[in-house]
């Protein structure tokens, strides 16, 4: 059986995360990332606009999976249940490689104001895509936005738990646990 080989984009992301962790985001250049991935600078720029964009790799595919999952939810699903359907569909992208990189990526983001800002923009984009998918189901915009934010909070918390864990649970299981905890808390919020 052939062994899995990462594509150029995945190699660039892995190299960038490693270098950002070792020498800091600001001290890392695009040339260093490309060299560490055994690729050229032009290959880097075919995949990313700049080194900051490396940390948003996969946002388009996550957005697509979220939209597909929300659309596939049963017609009578509540807004949060439809979001859960989207999040579970997006959990398919949570590979062992992503789990392994998670703690380093979170540390790199936490250490850089520029990356924290980019991470927030990623969150806003995913929430907006999820809310739009809910609105296409006939959910009122305000309710759609709230359900999307709650769902993405669960996604973020589940990701942190999953990447810090020992690998004995799947991301989908962590996500369901987090959504259950949020649902249990919501009646107390009012």
N, C-alpha and C. Protein backbone atom coordinates (compact mmCIF):
# COMPACT_ATOMS: atom_id res chain seq x y z
N UNK A 1 0.85 -1.18 0.00
CA UNK A 1 0.00 0.00 0.00
C UNK A 1 0.89 1.24 0.00
N UNK A 2 0.63 2.21 -0.93
CA UNK A 2 1.48 3.39 -0.98
C UNK A 2 1.30 4.25 0.27
N UNK A 3 2.39 4.85 0.69
CA UNK A 3 2.36 5.70 1.86
C UNK A 3 1.84 7.09 1.48
N UNK A 4 1.05 7.68 2.38
CA UNK A 4 0.51 9.02 2.13
C UNK A 4 1.65 10.02 2.05
N UNK A 5 1.58 10.89 1.05
CA UNK A 5 2.59 11.92 0.89
C UNK A 5 1.88 13.27 0.85
N UNK A 6 2.28 14.19 1.74
CA UNK A 6 1.61 15.49 1.77
C UNK A 6 1.84 16.26 0.47
N UNK A 7 0.82 17.03 0.07
CA UNK A 7 0.98 17.87 -1.11
C UNK A 7 1.77 19.13 -0.74
N UNK A 8 2.05 19.96 -1.73
CA UNK A 8 2.89 21.14 -1.51
C UNK A 8 2.28 22.07 -0.46
N UNK A 9 0.99 22.28 -0.52
CA UNK A 9 0.32 23.17 0.44
C UNK A 9 0.50 22.65 1.87
N UNK A 10 0.29 21.36 2.06
CA UNK A 10 0.43 20.76 3.39
C UNK A 10 1.87 20.83 3.88
N UNK A 11 2.81 20.64 2.97
CA UNK A 11 4.23 20.73 3.34
C UNK A 11 4.58 22.15 3.76
N UNK A 12 4.05 23.14 3.05
CA UNK A 12 4.31 24.53 3.40
C UNK A 12 3.73 24.88 4.77
N UNK A 13 2.52 24.42 5.03
CA UNK A 13 1.89 24.68 6.33
C UNK A 13 2.71 24.04 7.45
N UNK A 14 3.08 22.78 7.28
CA UNK A 14 3.87 22.09 8.32
C UNK A 14 5.21 22.77 8.55
N UNK A 15 5.86 23.17 7.47
CA UNK A 15 7.16 23.85 7.60
C UNK A 15 6.99 25.20 8.30
N UNK A 16 5.96 25.94 7.93
CA UNK A 16 5.73 27.25 8.53
C UNK A 16 5.46 27.13 10.03
N UNK A 17 4.60 26.20 10.41
CA UNK A 17 4.27 26.02 11.83
C UNK A 17 5.53 25.64 12.61
N UNK A 18 6.33 24.76 12.05
CA UNK A 18 7.56 24.35 12.73
C UNK A 18 8.50 25.55 12.90
N UNK A 19 8.70 26.31 11.83
CA UNK A 19 9.60 27.46 11.91
C UNK A 19 9.04 28.56 12.81
N UNK A 20 7.75 28.82 12.73
CA UNK A 20 7.15 29.82 13.61
C UNK A 20 7.35 29.41 15.07
N UNK A 21 7.21 28.13 15.35
CA UNK A 21 7.39 27.63 16.72
C UNK A 21 8.83 27.75 17.18
N UNK A 22 9.75 27.45 16.30
CA UNK A 22 11.17 27.44 16.66
C UNK A 22 11.78 28.84 16.77
N UNK A 23 11.46 29.73 15.81
CA UNK A 23 12.16 31.01 15.77
C UNK A 23 11.23 32.21 15.84
N UNK A 24 9.94 31.97 15.94
CA UNK A 24 8.98 33.06 16.02
C UNK A 24 8.44 33.44 14.65
N UNK A 25 7.22 33.94 14.66
CA UNK A 25 6.56 34.34 13.42
C UNK A 25 7.32 35.46 12.72
N UNK A 26 7.65 36.51 13.45
CA UNK A 26 8.29 37.68 12.84
C UNK A 26 9.66 37.37 12.25
N UNK A 27 10.37 36.44 12.86
CA UNK A 27 11.73 36.12 12.39
C UNK A 27 11.74 35.14 11.22
N UNK A 28 10.60 34.58 10.90
CA UNK A 28 10.52 33.57 9.82
C UNK A 28 10.17 34.25 8.50
N UNK A 29 10.91 33.91 7.46
CA UNK A 29 10.66 34.48 6.13
C UNK A 29 9.98 33.45 5.23
N UNK A 30 9.39 33.94 4.18
CA UNK A 30 8.78 33.07 3.18
C UNK A 30 9.85 32.16 2.57
N UNK A 31 11.02 32.71 2.31
CA UNK A 31 12.11 31.91 1.73
C UNK A 31 12.47 30.74 2.65
N UNK A 32 12.52 30.99 3.95
CA UNK A 32 12.83 29.92 4.90
C UNK A 32 11.74 28.84 4.90
N UNK A 33 10.49 29.27 4.83
CA UNK A 33 9.38 28.31 4.80
C UNK A 33 9.48 27.44 3.56
N UNK A 34 9.67 28.08 2.41
CA UNK A 34 9.78 27.34 1.15
C UNK A 34 10.94 26.36 1.20
N UNK A 35 12.09 26.82 1.69
CA UNK A 35 13.27 25.95 1.78
C UNK A 35 13.01 24.77 2.71
N UNK A 36 12.39 25.02 3.86
CA UNK A 36 12.12 23.95 4.82
C UNK A 36 11.14 22.92 4.25
N UNK A 37 10.28 23.36 3.35
CA UNK A 37 9.32 22.45 2.70
C UNK A 37 9.91 21.82 1.44
N UNK A 38 11.16 22.17 1.11
CA UNK A 38 11.84 21.70 -0.09
C UNK A 38 11.08 22.12 -1.35
N UNK A 39 10.64 23.39 -1.32
CA UNK A 39 9.91 23.97 -2.44
C UNK A 39 10.50 25.35 -2.74
N UNK A 40 9.98 26.00 -3.76
CA UNK A 40 10.47 27.32 -4.13
C UNK A 40 9.56 28.42 -3.59
N UNK A 41 10.09 29.64 -3.56
CA UNK A 41 9.28 30.80 -3.14
C UNK A 41 8.07 30.96 -4.07
N UNK A 42 8.27 30.73 -5.35
CA UNK A 42 7.14 30.89 -6.28
C UNK A 42 6.05 29.86 -5.99
N UNK A 43 6.44 28.67 -5.57
CA UNK A 43 5.43 27.67 -5.18
C UNK A 43 4.68 28.16 -3.95
N UNK A 44 5.40 28.74 -3.00
CA UNK A 44 4.74 29.31 -1.82
C UNK A 44 3.66 30.30 -2.26
N UNK A 45 4.04 31.23 -3.14
CA UNK A 45 3.11 32.29 -3.54
C UNK A 45 2.00 31.80 -4.48
N UNK A 46 2.13 30.61 -5.04
CA UNK A 46 1.01 30.02 -5.78
C UNK A 46 -0.08 29.57 -4.80
N UNK A 47 0.31 29.27 -3.57
CA UNK A 47 -0.64 28.76 -2.57
C UNK A 47 -1.08 29.81 -1.56
N UNK A 48 -0.22 30.79 -1.27
CA UNK A 48 -0.52 31.76 -0.22
C UNK A 48 -0.10 33.16 -0.65
N UNK A 49 -0.88 34.16 -0.21
CA UNK A 49 -0.54 35.55 -0.51
C UNK A 49 0.62 36.04 0.32
N UNK A 50 0.71 35.58 1.56
CA UNK A 50 1.82 35.93 2.44
C UNK A 50 1.90 34.88 3.55
N UNK A 51 2.89 35.02 4.43
CA UNK A 51 3.10 33.98 5.45
C UNK A 51 1.96 33.92 6.45
N UNK A 52 1.25 35.02 6.64
CA UNK A 52 0.10 35.04 7.55
C UNK A 52 -1.01 34.13 7.05
N UNK A 53 -1.16 34.05 5.74
CA UNK A 53 -2.22 33.23 5.14
C UNK A 53 -2.03 31.74 5.38
N UNK A 54 -0.83 31.33 5.72
CA UNK A 54 -0.56 29.91 5.97
C UNK A 54 -1.46 29.39 7.09
N UNK A 55 -1.70 30.23 8.08
CA UNK A 55 -2.50 29.80 9.23
C UNK A 55 -4.00 29.75 8.92
N UNK A 56 -4.40 30.28 7.80
CA UNK A 56 -5.80 30.19 7.39
C UNK A 56 -6.02 29.09 6.36
N UNK A 57 -4.97 28.31 6.11
CA UNK A 57 -5.08 27.23 5.14
C UNK A 57 -6.22 26.31 5.53
N UNK A 58 -7.05 25.99 4.59
CA UNK A 58 -8.15 25.08 4.86
C UNK A 58 -9.46 25.78 5.20
N UNK A 59 -9.43 27.11 5.34
CA UNK A 59 -10.66 27.82 5.69
C UNK A 59 -11.73 27.64 4.62
N UNK A 60 -11.33 27.66 3.36
CA UNK A 60 -12.31 27.50 2.28
C UNK A 60 -12.99 26.13 2.35
N UNK A 61 -12.18 25.10 2.58
CA UNK A 61 -12.77 23.76 2.64
C UNK A 61 -13.63 23.59 3.89
N UNK A 62 -13.22 24.19 5.01
CA UNK A 62 -14.06 24.13 6.21
C UNK A 62 -15.39 24.84 5.97
N UNK A 63 -15.34 26.00 5.34
CA UNK A 63 -16.57 26.74 5.02
C UNK A 63 -17.49 25.91 4.15
N UNK A 64 -16.92 25.27 3.14
CA UNK A 64 -17.71 24.43 2.24
C UNK A 64 -18.35 23.27 2.99
N UNK A 65 -17.58 22.60 3.83
CA UNK A 65 -18.11 21.48 4.61
C UNK A 65 -19.20 21.95 5.57
N UNK A 66 -19.01 23.10 6.20
CA UNK A 66 -20.04 23.65 7.09
C UNK A 66 -21.34 23.90 6.33
N UNK A 67 -21.23 24.55 5.17
CA UNK A 67 -22.42 24.84 4.37
C UNK A 67 -23.13 23.56 3.95
N UNK A 68 -22.36 22.57 3.49
CA UNK A 68 -22.96 21.30 3.06
C UNK A 68 -23.68 20.61 4.22
N UNK A 69 -23.05 20.60 5.38
CA UNK A 69 -23.65 19.95 6.54
C UNK A 69 -24.91 20.64 7.00
N UNK A 70 -24.91 21.97 7.02
CA UNK A 70 -26.11 22.72 7.41
C UNK A 70 -27.23 22.43 6.41
N UNK A 71 -26.91 22.44 5.14
CA UNK A 71 -27.93 22.17 4.11
C UNK A 71 -28.49 20.76 4.21
N UNK A 72 -27.68 19.82 4.66
CA UNK A 72 -28.11 18.42 4.73
C UNK A 72 -28.90 18.09 6.00
N UNK A 73 -28.97 19.02 6.94
CA UNK A 73 -29.71 18.77 8.17
C UNK A 73 -31.19 18.53 7.85
N UNK A 74 -31.88 17.75 8.66
CA UNK A 74 -33.31 17.53 8.43
C UNK A 74 -34.08 18.85 8.38
N UNK A 75 -35.14 18.88 7.60
CA UNK A 75 -35.93 20.11 7.44
C UNK A 75 -36.44 20.66 8.77
N UNK A 76 -36.75 19.78 9.71
CA UNK A 76 -37.31 20.24 10.99
C UNK A 76 -36.24 20.49 12.06
N UNK A 77 -34.97 20.49 11.67
CA UNK A 77 -33.88 20.69 12.63
C UNK A 77 -33.92 22.12 13.18
N UNK A 78 -33.64 22.25 14.46
CA UNK A 78 -33.51 23.58 15.07
C UNK A 78 -32.26 24.24 14.49
N UNK A 79 -32.13 25.55 14.64
CA UNK A 79 -30.93 26.22 14.13
C UNK A 79 -29.63 25.60 14.68
N UNK A 80 -29.59 25.33 15.98
CA UNK A 80 -28.37 24.78 16.56
C UNK A 80 -28.13 23.34 16.08
N UNK A 81 -29.18 22.59 15.88
CA UNK A 81 -29.03 21.23 15.36
C UNK A 81 -28.52 21.26 13.92
N UNK A 82 -28.98 22.23 13.14
CA UNK A 82 -28.48 22.38 11.77
C UNK A 82 -27.00 22.78 11.78
N UNK A 83 -26.62 23.65 12.71
CA UNK A 83 -25.21 24.02 12.86
C UNK A 83 -24.40 22.79 13.26
N UNK A 84 -24.93 22.00 14.17
CA UNK A 84 -24.25 20.77 14.59
C UNK A 84 -24.00 19.87 13.39
N UNK A 85 -24.98 19.76 12.51
CA UNK A 85 -24.82 18.96 11.30
C UNK A 85 -23.66 19.49 10.45
N UNK A 86 -23.58 20.82 10.34
CA UNK A 86 -22.48 21.42 9.59
C UNK A 86 -21.14 21.19 10.26
N UNK A 87 -21.11 21.33 11.57
CA UNK A 87 -19.85 21.14 12.30
C UNK A 87 -19.38 19.69 12.22
N UNK A 88 -20.31 18.77 12.30
CA UNK A 88 -19.93 17.36 12.19
C UNK A 88 -19.39 17.05 10.80
N UNK A 89 -19.99 17.67 9.79
CA UNK A 89 -19.47 17.50 8.43
C UNK A 89 -18.06 18.09 8.35
N UNK A 90 -17.85 19.26 8.95
CA UNK A 90 -16.52 19.90 8.93
C UNK A 90 -15.51 19.09 9.73
N UNK A 91 -15.98 18.32 10.69
CA UNK A 91 -15.04 17.53 11.51
C UNK A 91 -14.31 16.48 10.67
N UNK A 92 -14.82 16.19 9.47
CA UNK A 92 -14.15 15.25 8.58
C UNK A 92 -12.75 15.76 8.19
N UNK A 93 -12.56 17.08 8.26
CA UNK A 93 -11.27 17.67 7.90
C UNK A 93 -10.26 17.59 9.04
N UNK A 94 -10.68 17.15 10.20
CA UNK A 94 -9.80 17.11 11.36
C UNK A 94 -9.01 15.80 11.37
N UNK A 95 -7.90 15.83 10.69
CA UNK A 95 -7.04 14.65 10.50
C UNK A 95 -6.04 14.52 11.65
N UNK A 96 -5.42 13.37 11.77
CA UNK A 96 -4.37 13.21 12.79
C UNK A 96 -3.25 14.25 12.63
N UNK A 97 -2.95 14.64 11.41
CA UNK A 97 -1.91 15.65 11.18
C UNK A 97 -2.33 16.99 11.78
N UNK A 98 -3.60 17.34 11.62
CA UNK A 98 -4.10 18.59 12.21
C UNK A 98 -4.06 18.52 13.73
N UNK A 99 -4.39 17.36 14.27
CA UNK A 99 -4.36 17.20 15.72
C UNK A 99 -2.95 17.39 16.25
N UNK A 100 -2.00 16.82 15.55
CA UNK A 100 -0.60 16.90 15.97
C UNK A 100 -0.08 18.33 15.91
N UNK A 101 -0.50 19.09 14.92
CA UNK A 101 -0.04 20.47 14.74
C UNK A 101 -0.76 21.47 15.63
N UNK A 102 -1.92 21.10 16.15
CA UNK A 102 -2.77 22.03 16.88
C UNK A 102 -2.12 22.80 18.01
N UNK A 103 -1.48 22.13 18.97
CA UNK A 103 -0.89 22.89 20.08
C UNK A 103 0.17 23.90 19.62
N UNK A 104 1.00 23.51 18.65
CA UNK A 104 2.01 24.44 18.15
C UNK A 104 1.36 25.62 17.44
N UNK A 105 0.32 25.34 16.66
CA UNK A 105 -0.35 26.41 15.94
C UNK A 105 -0.99 27.39 16.92
N UNK A 106 -1.65 26.88 17.96
CA UNK A 106 -2.28 27.76 18.95
C UNK A 106 -1.23 28.61 19.66
N UNK A 107 -0.07 28.03 19.97
CA UNK A 107 1.00 28.77 20.65
C UNK A 107 1.55 29.87 19.74
N UNK A 108 1.72 29.56 18.46
CA UNK A 108 2.23 30.54 17.51
C UNK A 108 1.24 31.70 17.39
N UNK A 109 -0.04 31.40 17.28
CA UNK A 109 -1.07 32.44 17.17
C UNK A 109 -1.09 33.29 18.43
N UNK A 110 -1.04 32.66 19.59
CA UNK A 110 -1.08 33.39 20.86
C UNK A 110 0.09 34.35 21.02
N UNK A 111 1.21 34.04 20.39
CA UNK A 111 2.42 34.86 20.56
C UNK A 111 2.48 36.05 19.60
N UNK A 112 1.53 36.20 18.70
CA UNK A 112 1.60 37.26 17.69
C UNK A 112 0.27 37.99 17.57
N UNK A 113 0.30 39.30 17.79
CA UNK A 113 -0.92 40.10 17.65
C UNK A 113 -1.47 40.02 16.23
N UNK A 114 -0.57 40.03 15.27
CA UNK A 114 -0.99 39.95 13.86
C UNK A 114 -1.72 38.64 13.58
N UNK A 115 -1.21 37.55 14.14
CA UNK A 115 -1.84 36.25 13.90
C UNK A 115 -3.14 36.10 14.69
N UNK A 116 -3.20 36.70 15.87
CA UNK A 116 -4.46 36.66 16.63
C UNK A 116 -5.55 37.39 15.83
N UNK A 117 -5.18 38.50 15.22
CA UNK A 117 -6.13 39.24 14.40
C UNK A 117 -6.58 38.39 13.20
N UNK A 118 -5.64 37.72 12.56
CA UNK A 118 -5.97 36.87 11.41
C UNK A 118 -6.86 35.72 11.83
N UNK A 119 -6.59 35.16 13.01
CA UNK A 119 -7.40 34.06 13.53
C UNK A 119 -8.83 34.53 13.79
N UNK A 120 -8.98 35.75 14.30
CA UNK A 120 -10.31 36.30 14.53
C UNK A 120 -11.05 36.51 13.21
N UNK A 121 -10.33 36.96 12.18
CA UNK A 121 -10.95 37.12 10.87
C UNK A 121 -11.42 35.78 10.31
N UNK A 122 -10.63 34.74 10.55
CA UNK A 122 -11.03 33.40 10.13
C UNK A 122 -12.32 32.99 10.83
N UNK A 123 -12.40 33.24 12.12
CA UNK A 123 -13.60 32.92 12.90
C UNK A 123 -14.81 33.68 12.35
N UNK A 124 -14.64 34.97 12.10
CA UNK A 124 -15.73 35.79 11.58
C UNK A 124 -16.21 35.24 10.23
N UNK A 125 -15.27 34.86 9.38
CA UNK A 125 -15.62 34.31 8.07
C UNK A 125 -16.39 33.01 8.18
N UNK A 126 -15.94 32.11 9.05
CA UNK A 126 -16.65 30.83 9.24
C UNK A 126 -18.03 31.05 9.83
N UNK A 127 -18.14 31.98 10.78
CA UNK A 127 -19.44 32.27 11.39
C UNK A 127 -20.40 32.86 10.34
N UNK A 128 -19.89 33.76 9.51
CA UNK A 128 -20.73 34.37 8.48
C UNK A 128 -21.21 33.33 7.47
N UNK A 129 -20.33 32.43 7.06
CA UNK A 129 -20.72 31.37 6.12
C UNK A 129 -21.77 30.45 6.74
N UNK A 130 -21.59 30.12 8.00
CA UNK A 130 -22.55 29.25 8.69
C UNK A 130 -23.89 29.96 8.82
N UNK A 131 -23.87 31.22 9.20
CA UNK A 131 -25.12 31.99 9.32
C UNK A 131 -25.84 32.09 7.97
N UNK A 132 -25.08 32.32 6.90
CA UNK A 132 -25.70 32.38 5.56
C UNK A 132 -26.38 31.05 5.20
N UNK A 133 -25.70 29.95 5.55
CA UNK A 133 -26.29 28.64 5.26
C UNK A 133 -27.59 28.45 6.05
N UNK A 134 -27.62 28.94 7.28
CA UNK A 134 -28.85 28.86 8.08
C UNK A 134 -29.95 29.74 7.48
N UNK A 135 -29.57 30.93 7.05
CA UNK A 135 -30.56 31.83 6.44
C UNK A 135 -31.16 31.21 5.18
N UNK A 136 -30.35 30.47 4.43
CA UNK A 136 -30.86 29.78 3.24
C UNK A 136 -31.89 28.72 3.62
N UNK A 137 -31.88 28.27 4.86
CA UNK A 137 -32.88 27.31 5.36
C UNK A 137 -34.12 28.04 5.88
N UNK A 138 -34.11 29.38 5.83
CA UNK A 138 -35.26 30.15 6.29
C UNK A 138 -35.14 30.64 7.73
N UNK A 139 -33.97 30.52 8.31
CA UNK A 139 -33.75 30.99 9.68
C UNK A 139 -33.54 32.50 9.66
N UNK A 140 -34.16 33.20 10.59
CA UNK A 140 -34.02 34.66 10.68
C UNK A 140 -32.54 35.02 10.89
N UNK A 141 -32.09 36.12 10.29
CA UNK A 141 -30.66 36.49 10.37
C UNK A 141 -30.11 36.57 11.80
N UNK A 142 -30.83 37.16 12.71
CA UNK A 142 -30.33 37.30 14.08
C UNK A 142 -30.16 35.93 14.74
N UNK A 143 -31.15 35.07 14.57
CA UNK A 143 -31.07 33.71 15.12
C UNK A 143 -29.96 32.92 14.45
N UNK A 144 -29.82 33.08 13.14
CA UNK A 144 -28.77 32.37 12.39
C UNK A 144 -27.39 32.79 12.89
N UNK A 145 -27.20 34.09 13.10
CA UNK A 145 -25.90 34.58 13.57
C UNK A 145 -25.58 34.04 14.97
N UNK A 146 -26.57 34.03 15.84
CA UNK A 146 -26.35 33.53 17.20
C UNK A 146 -26.04 32.03 17.20
N UNK A 147 -26.81 31.25 16.45
CA UNK A 147 -26.57 29.80 16.37
C UNK A 147 -25.19 29.51 15.78
N UNK A 148 -24.80 30.28 14.77
CA UNK A 148 -23.47 30.09 14.16
C UNK A 148 -22.37 30.38 15.17
N UNK A 149 -22.49 31.47 15.92
CA UNK A 149 -21.47 31.81 16.93
C UNK A 149 -21.39 30.76 18.03
N UNK A 150 -22.53 30.28 18.49
CA UNK A 150 -22.54 29.23 19.52
C UNK A 150 -21.85 27.97 18.98
N UNK A 151 -22.19 27.61 17.76
CA UNK A 151 -21.58 26.43 17.15
C UNK A 151 -20.07 26.57 16.99
N UNK A 152 -19.62 27.74 16.57
CA UNK A 152 -18.18 27.93 16.39
C UNK A 152 -17.44 28.02 17.72
N UNK A 153 -18.12 28.47 18.76
CA UNK A 153 -17.51 28.41 20.09
C UNK A 153 -17.30 26.95 20.49
N UNK A 154 -18.29 26.12 20.23
CA UNK A 154 -18.16 24.69 20.52
C UNK A 154 -17.02 24.09 19.69
N UNK A 155 -16.92 24.48 18.42
CA UNK A 155 -15.86 23.98 17.54
C UNK A 155 -14.49 24.36 18.09
N UNK A 156 -14.34 25.62 18.49
CA UNK A 156 -13.06 26.10 19.02
C UNK A 156 -12.68 25.36 20.30
N UNK A 157 -13.63 25.23 21.21
CA UNK A 157 -13.35 24.52 22.47
C UNK A 157 -13.03 23.05 22.23
N UNK A 158 -13.78 22.43 21.34
CA UNK A 158 -13.54 21.01 21.03
C UNK A 158 -12.17 20.83 20.39
N UNK A 159 -11.78 21.77 19.52
CA UNK A 159 -10.47 21.69 18.87
C UNK A 159 -9.35 21.75 19.91
N UNK A 160 -9.48 22.66 20.86
CA UNK A 160 -8.45 22.78 21.91
C UNK A 160 -8.37 21.50 22.74
N UNK A 161 -9.51 20.96 23.13
CA UNK A 161 -9.52 19.73 23.92
C UNK A 161 -8.94 18.57 23.12
N UNK A 162 -9.34 18.47 21.87
CA UNK A 162 -8.90 17.37 21.01
C UNK A 162 -7.40 17.42 20.75
N UNK A 163 -6.88 18.62 20.44
CA UNK A 163 -5.45 18.71 20.12
C UNK A 163 -4.58 18.55 21.36
N UNK A 164 -5.11 18.89 22.52
CA UNK A 164 -4.35 18.71 23.77
C UNK A 164 -4.50 17.30 24.34
N UNK A 165 -5.43 16.51 23.80
CA UNK A 165 -5.69 15.17 24.31
C UNK A 165 -4.68 14.15 23.84
N UNK A 166 -4.96 12.92 24.22
CA UNK A 166 -4.03 11.82 23.91
C UNK A 166 -4.38 11.09 22.62
N UNK A 167 -5.39 11.57 21.90
CA UNK A 167 -5.77 10.95 20.64
C UNK A 167 -6.75 9.80 20.79
N UNK A 168 -7.23 9.57 22.01
CA UNK A 168 -8.13 8.43 22.23
C UNK A 168 -9.57 8.74 21.83
N UNK A 169 -9.89 10.03 21.63
CA UNK A 169 -11.24 10.38 21.18
C UNK A 169 -11.15 11.11 19.85
N UNK A 170 -12.20 10.98 19.08
CA UNK A 170 -12.24 11.66 17.78
C UNK A 170 -12.63 13.12 17.99
N UNK A 171 -12.33 13.93 16.99
CA UNK A 171 -12.75 15.32 17.05
C UNK A 171 -14.28 15.40 17.10
N UNK A 172 -14.96 14.58 16.34
CA UNK A 172 -16.43 14.59 16.33
C UNK A 172 -16.99 14.32 17.73
N UNK A 173 -16.39 13.37 18.46
CA UNK A 173 -16.85 13.08 19.82
C UNK A 173 -16.62 14.28 20.74
N UNK A 174 -15.47 14.92 20.62
CA UNK A 174 -15.19 16.11 21.44
C UNK A 174 -16.18 17.22 21.11
N UNK A 175 -16.49 17.36 19.83
CA UNK A 175 -17.43 18.38 19.38
C UNK A 175 -18.82 18.13 19.95
N UNK A 176 -19.28 16.90 19.88
CA UNK A 176 -20.61 16.57 20.43
C UNK A 176 -20.66 16.82 21.94
N UNK A 177 -19.59 16.47 22.64
CA UNK A 177 -19.53 16.74 24.08
C UNK A 177 -19.62 18.24 24.36
N UNK A 178 -18.91 19.01 23.58
CA UNK A 178 -18.91 20.46 23.76
C UNK A 178 -20.28 21.06 23.45
N UNK A 179 -20.92 20.60 22.39
CA UNK A 179 -22.26 21.09 22.05
C UNK A 179 -23.26 20.72 23.14
N UNK A 180 -23.16 19.51 23.67
CA UNK A 180 -24.04 19.09 24.76
C UNK A 180 -23.85 19.98 25.98
N UNK A 181 -22.60 20.31 26.30
CA UNK A 181 -22.32 21.18 27.44
C UNK A 181 -22.90 22.58 27.22
N UNK A 182 -22.76 23.10 26.01
CA UNK A 182 -23.33 24.42 25.71
C UNK A 182 -24.85 24.40 25.78
N UNK A 183 -25.46 23.35 25.25
CA UNK A 183 -26.92 23.24 25.32
C UNK A 183 -27.39 23.20 26.77
N UNK A 184 -26.67 22.49 27.60
CA UNK A 184 -27.04 22.39 29.02
C UNK A 184 -26.89 23.74 29.72
N UNK A 185 -25.96 24.56 29.27
CA UNK A 185 -25.71 25.86 29.89
C UNK A 185 -26.66 26.93 29.41
N UNK A 186 -27.13 26.82 28.16
CA UNK A 186 -27.94 27.88 27.56
C UNK A 186 -29.18 28.25 28.38
N UNK A 187 -29.93 27.32 28.96
CA UNK A 187 -31.09 27.73 29.74
C UNK A 187 -30.72 28.63 30.93
N UNK A 188 -29.49 28.49 31.44
CA UNK A 188 -29.05 29.28 32.59
C UNK A 188 -28.58 30.69 32.20
N UNK A 189 -28.36 30.93 30.91
CA UNK A 189 -27.84 32.21 30.47
C UNK A 189 -28.87 33.32 30.64
N UNK A 190 -30.13 33.03 30.32
CA UNK A 190 -31.19 34.03 30.36
C UNK A 190 -31.41 34.58 31.70
